[in-house]
Amino acid sequence: MPLINLQTSAPSPDRATVDGLLLDLSAKLARHLGKPESYVMTAFRGDVPMTFGGTADAPVCYVEVKSIGTMTPAQTAAMSAEFCSLIEAAIAVPKARIYIEFADAERHLWGWNGGTFA
């Protein structure tokens, strides 16, 4: 049910780097939300044409974090700090050029296995 969807204008690094970043984000998202990692999904897209602050001359990253339930302000603040640091270290996108959107989903709006979580 939790999802991290990351897209960046930075060149895609080697597969091992991407896999390592996604696995790290998966484990940390599960821990922050107190949910089983067996339900966490992560995705990565590199080389996406993007701008930030009216420029395309430096890498930028947009991250969606979605989950069923309510994420508290303390949780989103902690996740933003940790995820930005991980992303900056893994793919060299400065924290100041990363946006993270946190979205709570209602159970009936999240499908899985032919049904929903409602």
Protein backbone atom coordinates (compact mmCIF):
# COMPACT_ATOMS: atom_id res chain seq x y z
CA MET A 1 0.00 0.00 0.00
CA PRO A 2 2.76 2.57 0.62
CA LEU A 3 4.41 3.81 -2.56
CA ILE A 4 7.49 5.86 -3.35
CA ASN A 5 7.60 7.00 -6.97
CA LEU A 6 10.79 8.88 -7.83
CA GLN A 7 11.52 10.66 -11.09
CA THR A 8 14.58 12.73 -11.82
CA SER A 9 16.28 14.63 -14.58
CA ALA A 10 19.59 13.16 -13.42
CA PRO A 11 21.05 10.45 -15.61
CA SER A 12 20.05 6.98 -14.50
CA PRO A 13 22.93 5.46 -12.55
CA ASP A 14 23.85 1.79 -12.87
CA ARG A 15 21.22 -0.77 -11.94
CA ALA A 16 22.92 -1.68 -8.65
CA THR A 17 22.76 1.95 -7.49
CA VAL A 18 19.08 2.26 -8.42
CA ASP A 19 18.21 -1.05 -6.77
CA GLY A 20 20.12 -0.07 -3.63
CA LEU A 21 18.35 3.28 -3.42
CA LEU A 22 14.91 1.74 -3.96
CA LEU A 23 15.51 -1.00 -1.38
CA ASP A 24 16.78 1.57 1.14
CA LEU A 25 13.76 3.83 0.54
CA SER A 26 11.42 0.82 0.83
CA ALA A 27 12.78 -0.24 4.20
CA LYS A 28 12.79 3.30 5.56
CA LEU A 29 9.25 4.04 4.36
CA ALA A 30 7.96 0.89 6.04
CA ARG A 31 9.74 1.84 9.27
CA HIS A 32 8.46 5.45 9.23
CA LEU A 33 4.87 4.34 8.64
CA GLY A 34 4.95 1.25 10.83
CA LYS A 35 3.69 -0.89 7.95
CA PRO A 36 4.98 -4.21 6.61
CA GLU A 37 7.60 -3.77 3.92
CA SER A 38 5.92 -6.64 2.04
CA TYR A 39 3.31 -4.07 0.90
CA VAL A 40 5.72 -1.25 -0.06
CA MET A 41 6.31 -0.45 -3.74
CA THR A 42 9.11 1.74 -5.08
CA ALA A 43 9.73 3.05 -8.60
CA PHE A 44 12.52 5.02 -10.28
CA ARG A 45 12.68 6.91 -13.58
CA GLY A 46 15.81 8.76 -14.60
CA ASP A 47 16.62 11.05 -17.51
CA VAL A 48 13.19 12.71 -17.31
CA PRO A 49 13.09 16.21 -18.84
CA MET A 50 12.36 18.49 -15.87
CA THR A 51 12.92 22.04 -14.67
CA PHE A 52 13.12 23.59 -11.21
CA GLY A 53 13.11 27.31 -10.46
CA GLY A 54 12.98 28.12 -14.15
CA THR A 55 16.16 26.20 -14.97
CA ALA A 56 17.05 22.85 -16.45
CA ASP A 57 20.79 23.24 -15.95
CA ALA A 58 21.04 21.19 -12.73
CA PRO A 59 19.43 17.90 -11.76
CA VAL A 60 16.02 17.91 -10.13
CA CYS A 61 13.91 15.23 -8.49
CA TYR A 62 10.19 14.78 -7.79
CA VAL A 63 9.10 12.13 -5.32
CA GLU A 64 5.58 10.93 -4.56
CA VAL A 65 4.95 9.18 -1.25
CA LYS A 66 1.49 7.68 -0.95
CA SER A 67 -0.04 5.58 1.79
CA ILE A 68 -3.37 4.48 3.18
CA GLY A 69 -4.07 6.27 6.42
CA THR A 70 -2.85 9.54 7.82
CA MET A 71 0.76 10.66 7.80
CA THR A 72 1.45 13.08 10.63
CA PRO A 73 3.45 16.29 10.24
CA ALA A 74 6.23 14.73 12.33
CA GLN A 75 6.34 11.67 10.05
CA THR A 76 6.45 13.69 6.84
CA ALA A 77 9.16 15.99 8.23
CA ALA A 78 11.29 13.00 9.24
CA MET A 79 10.74 11.25 5.91
CA SER A 80 11.58 14.39 3.94
CA ALA A 81 14.86 14.84 5.79
CA GLU A 82 15.88 11.20 5.45
CA PHE A 83 14.71 10.65 1.87
CA CYS A 84 16.33 13.86 0.57
CA SER A 85 19.64 12.83 2.13
CA LEU A 86 19.43 9.35 0.59
CA ILE A 87 18.57 10.69 -2.84
CA GLU A 88 21.30 13.34 -2.74
CA ALA A 89 23.90 10.73 -1.77
CA ALA A 90 22.75 8.16 -4.35
CA ILE A 91 22.14 10.27 -7.46
CA ALA A 92 23.68 13.67 -6.66
CA VAL A 93 20.49 15.74 -6.78
CA PRO A 94 20.87 18.58 -4.26
CA LYS A 95 18.26 18.59 -1.48
CA ALA A 96 17.23 22.10 -2.52
CA ARG A 97 16.15 20.69 -5.92
CA ILE A 98 13.98 17.87 -4.56
CA TYR A 99 10.23 18.11 -4.05
CA ILE A 100 8.37 15.40 -2.15
CA GLU A 101 4.59 15.13 -2.29
CA PHE A 102 3.03 13.20 0.59
CA ALA A 103 -0.50 11.96 -0.06
CA ASP A 104 -2.85 10.02 2.19
CA ALA A 105 -5.21 7.67 0.36
CA GLU A 106 -8.53 6.38 1.58
CA ARG A 107 -8.82 2.58 1.67
CA HIS A 108 -11.47 2.43 -1.05
CA LEU A 109 -9.21 4.44 -3.40
CA TRP A 110 -6.30 1.96 -3.29
CA GLY A 111 -6.66 -1.21 -5.32
CA TRP A 112 -4.73 -4.45 -4.91
CA ASN A 113 -5.17 -8.08 -5.88
CA GLY A 114 -8.44 -7.46 -7.73
CA GLY A 115 -10.04 -5.52 -4.88
CA THR A 116 -9.39 -2.57 -2.63
CA PHE A 117 -8.22 -2.18 0.96
CA ALA A 118 -11.73 -1.10 2.05
